Protein backbone atom coordinates (compact mmCIF):
# COMPACT_ATOMS: atom_id res chain seq x y z
CA MET A 1 -217.76 52.41 -125.71
CA TYR A 2 -218.10 54.98 -123.17
CA LYS A 3 -221.02 54.79 -121.38
CA ASN A 4 -222.45 57.74 -119.15
CA SER A 5 -223.03 57.87 -115.28
CA GLU A 6 -226.59 56.00 -116.18
CA GLY A 7 -224.93 53.31 -118.19
CA TYR A 8 -225.93 54.20 -121.59
CA ALA A 9 -223.67 54.22 -124.48
CA SER A 10 -222.47 58.15 -125.21
CA PRO A 11 -220.50 57.95 -128.65
CA THR A 12 -220.28 62.34 -128.10
CA GLU A 13 -218.57 62.12 -124.60
CA GLY A 14 -216.57 58.78 -125.83
CA GLU A 15 -215.17 61.22 -128.67
CA ALA A 16 -214.76 64.19 -126.48
CA MET A 17 -212.59 61.97 -123.92
CA ALA A 18 -210.62 60.17 -126.62
CA ASN A 19 -209.68 63.90 -127.91
CA ILE A 20 -208.78 64.83 -124.43
CA MET A 21 -206.48 61.58 -123.85
CA ARG A 22 -204.81 62.17 -127.46
CA GLU A 23 -203.89 65.77 -126.29
CA TYR A 24 -202.58 64.53 -123.13
CA ARG A 25 -200.09 62.05 -124.64
CA GLN A 26 -199.17 64.18 -127.28
CA ALA A 27 -197.98 66.81 -124.58
CA VAL A 28 -196.38 64.28 -122.48
CA ARG A 29 -194.46 62.84 -125.46
CA GLU A 30 -193.41 66.86 -126.55
CA ASN A 31 -192.18 67.47 -122.82
CA TYR A 32 -190.51 64.19 -122.46
CA ARG A 33 -188.86 64.90 -126.01
CA ARG A 34 -188.10 68.65 -124.67
CA GLN A 35 -186.20 67.29 -121.63
CA ASN A 36 -184.15 64.45 -123.50
CA GLU A 37 -182.98 66.98 -125.80
CA ILE A 38 -181.83 69.31 -122.73
CA LYS A 39 -180.17 66.61 -120.75
CA CYS A 40 -178.39 65.30 -123.83
CA ARG A 41 -176.56 68.51 -124.45
CA THR A 42 -172.68 68.73 -124.80
CA LYS A 43 -171.18 69.29 -121.38
CA VAL A 44 -168.71 72.07 -121.41
CA TYR A 45 -166.39 72.58 -118.71
CA ILE A 46 -165.78 76.71 -117.54
CA VAL A 47 -162.41 77.82 -117.18
CA SER A 48 -161.94 81.51 -115.70
CA LYS A 49 -160.50 83.31 -112.90
CA TYR A 50 -161.33 82.79 -109.24
CA ALA A 51 -158.86 84.18 -107.13
CA GLY A 52 -158.28 87.85 -107.05
CA ASP A 53 -161.69 90.00 -106.82
CA ILE A 54 -163.69 86.75 -106.19
CA ALA A 55 -166.82 88.57 -106.31
CA GLN A 56 -166.24 90.06 -109.85
CA ASN A 57 -164.60 87.01 -111.04
CA THR A 58 -167.74 84.82 -110.12
CA ALA A 59 -170.44 87.16 -111.58
CA ASP A 60 -167.94 86.81 -114.64
CA ALA A 61 -167.77 82.93 -114.32
CA ILE A 62 -171.66 83.15 -113.97
CA ASN A 63 -172.05 85.05 -117.05
CA TYR A 64 -169.86 82.39 -118.53
CA CYS A 65 -172.20 79.99 -117.91
CA ARG A 66 -175.21 81.78 -118.91
CA PHE A 67 -173.15 82.06 -122.60
CA ALA A 68 -172.99 78.47 -122.72
CA ILE A 69 -176.64 77.54 -121.65
CA SER A 70 -177.38 80.62 -124.71
CA ARG A 71 -175.45 78.13 -126.97
CA LYS A 72 -177.31 75.34 -126.05
CA ARG A 73 -174.83 73.49 -123.77
CA ILE A 74 -174.50 72.18 -120.19
CA PRO A 75 -171.50 74.19 -118.17
CA ILE A 76 -169.66 72.81 -115.54
CA ALA A 77 -167.89 75.32 -113.18
CA SER A 78 -166.16 73.60 -110.57
CA HIS A 79 -164.71 77.13 -109.08
CA LEU A 80 -168.21 78.44 -108.75
CA LEU A 81 -169.30 75.01 -106.41
CA TYR A 82 -166.11 73.78 -104.26
CA PRO A 83 -165.33 77.19 -102.83
CA GLN A 84 -169.03 77.20 -101.32
CA MET A 85 -168.08 74.26 -99.23
CA LEU A 86 -164.25 74.22 -99.40
CA ASN A 87 -161.91 76.62 -97.62
CA ASP A 88 -159.65 78.11 -100.66
CA ASP A 89 -157.17 79.32 -98.13
CA ASN A 90 -156.76 75.79 -96.62
CA PRO A 91 -154.14 73.72 -99.20
CA THR A 92 -155.52 70.63 -98.18
CA GLU A 93 -159.05 71.69 -98.83
CA ARG A 94 -158.29 73.46 -102.08
CA GLU A 95 -156.11 70.52 -103.47
CA LEU A 96 -159.70 68.44 -102.88
CA GLY A 97 -161.47 71.16 -104.65
CA THR A 98 -159.08 71.04 -107.53
CA LEU A 99 -159.11 67.49 -108.08
CA PHE A 100 -162.85 67.44 -107.74
CA GLY A 101 -162.72 69.81 -110.39
CA LEU A 102 -160.65 67.72 -112.68
CA SER A 103 -163.04 64.74 -112.18
CA LEU A 104 -165.41 66.61 -113.28
CA LEU A 105 -163.80 68.23 -116.40
CA HIS A 106 -163.42 64.43 -117.45
CA THR A 107 -167.20 64.29 -118.15
CA CYS A 108 -167.17 67.42 -120.52
CA ARG A 109 -166.57 67.20 -124.20
CA GLU A 110 -165.50 70.42 -124.36
CA VAL A 111 -163.79 73.23 -122.37
CA TRP A 112 -164.20 76.71 -122.61
CA VAL A 113 -161.87 79.00 -121.53
CA PHE A 114 -162.31 82.69 -120.56
CA GLY A 115 -160.10 85.46 -120.37
CA SER A 116 -156.77 86.55 -121.41
CA LYS A 117 -154.60 86.23 -118.43
CA PHE A 118 -154.43 82.54 -116.61
CA SER A 119 -153.81 81.62 -113.36
CA GLU A 120 -151.71 78.56 -112.16
CA GLY A 121 -155.09 76.92 -111.27
CA MET A 122 -156.35 78.06 -114.77
CA LYS A 123 -153.08 76.74 -116.52
CA ASN A 124 -153.59 73.41 -114.97
CA GLU A 125 -157.21 72.84 -115.95
CA ILE A 126 -156.10 73.71 -119.69
CA PHE A 127 -153.11 71.17 -119.55
CA GLU A 128 -155.53 68.57 -118.27
CA ALA A 129 -157.90 68.94 -120.92
CA LYS A 130 -155.23 68.75 -123.58
CA ARG A 131 -154.11 65.52 -121.69
CA GLN A 132 -157.60 64.15 -122.21
CA ASN A 133 -157.70 65.47 -126.03
CA LYS A 134 -160.77 67.80 -124.97
CA THR A 135 -161.98 70.33 -127.47
CA ILE A 136 -160.76 73.46 -126.07
CA ARG A 137 -162.35 76.75 -127.08
CA PHE A 138 -160.64 80.18 -126.01
CA PHE A 139 -163.25 83.23 -125.29
CA ASP A 140 -162.07 86.79 -124.69
CA LYS A 141 -163.94 88.64 -121.72
CA ASP A 142 -166.69 89.90 -124.71
CA TYR A 143 -166.96 86.22 -125.63
CA LYS A 144 -165.61 86.28 -128.86
CA GLU A 145 -164.03 83.23 -129.67
CA VAL A 146 -160.14 83.83 -130.23
CA SER A 147 -157.45 81.09 -131.26
CA ASP A 148 -153.98 82.92 -129.97
CA LEU A 149 -154.54 82.84 -126.00
CA CYS A 150 -153.25 79.38 -125.65
CA PRO A 151 -150.47 79.43 -122.37
């Protein structure tokens, strides 16, 4: 039984506090459920061009990731991450970034390939995805899924 500040039983305030706590616990459960649903989404490895027009290709890759997010997936785009910390012009660092990316590819359930022209790096990622029996989906620049782009 809830007691007020003077020590007297106060069922009205007790009921109000119980309702507040019930609503709070429900909100916590709903928040946990929502966060768990997001954390359990399928991870997809994003394959798209990086070299060449790096500014445009980076902007495109960000949009491809946003497209994956809109489809309730967790995008992994190693070509947006590792060039930030490794020098792509240094062969040793480029190889390191490529191997880090392939390691991340291993953790993904699907591989989404964007564009119709494939760089050597993209071909290597697609080859590795095939080797690991990953689901590979091909998309054109307009996010339309296509099936005849396999290199």
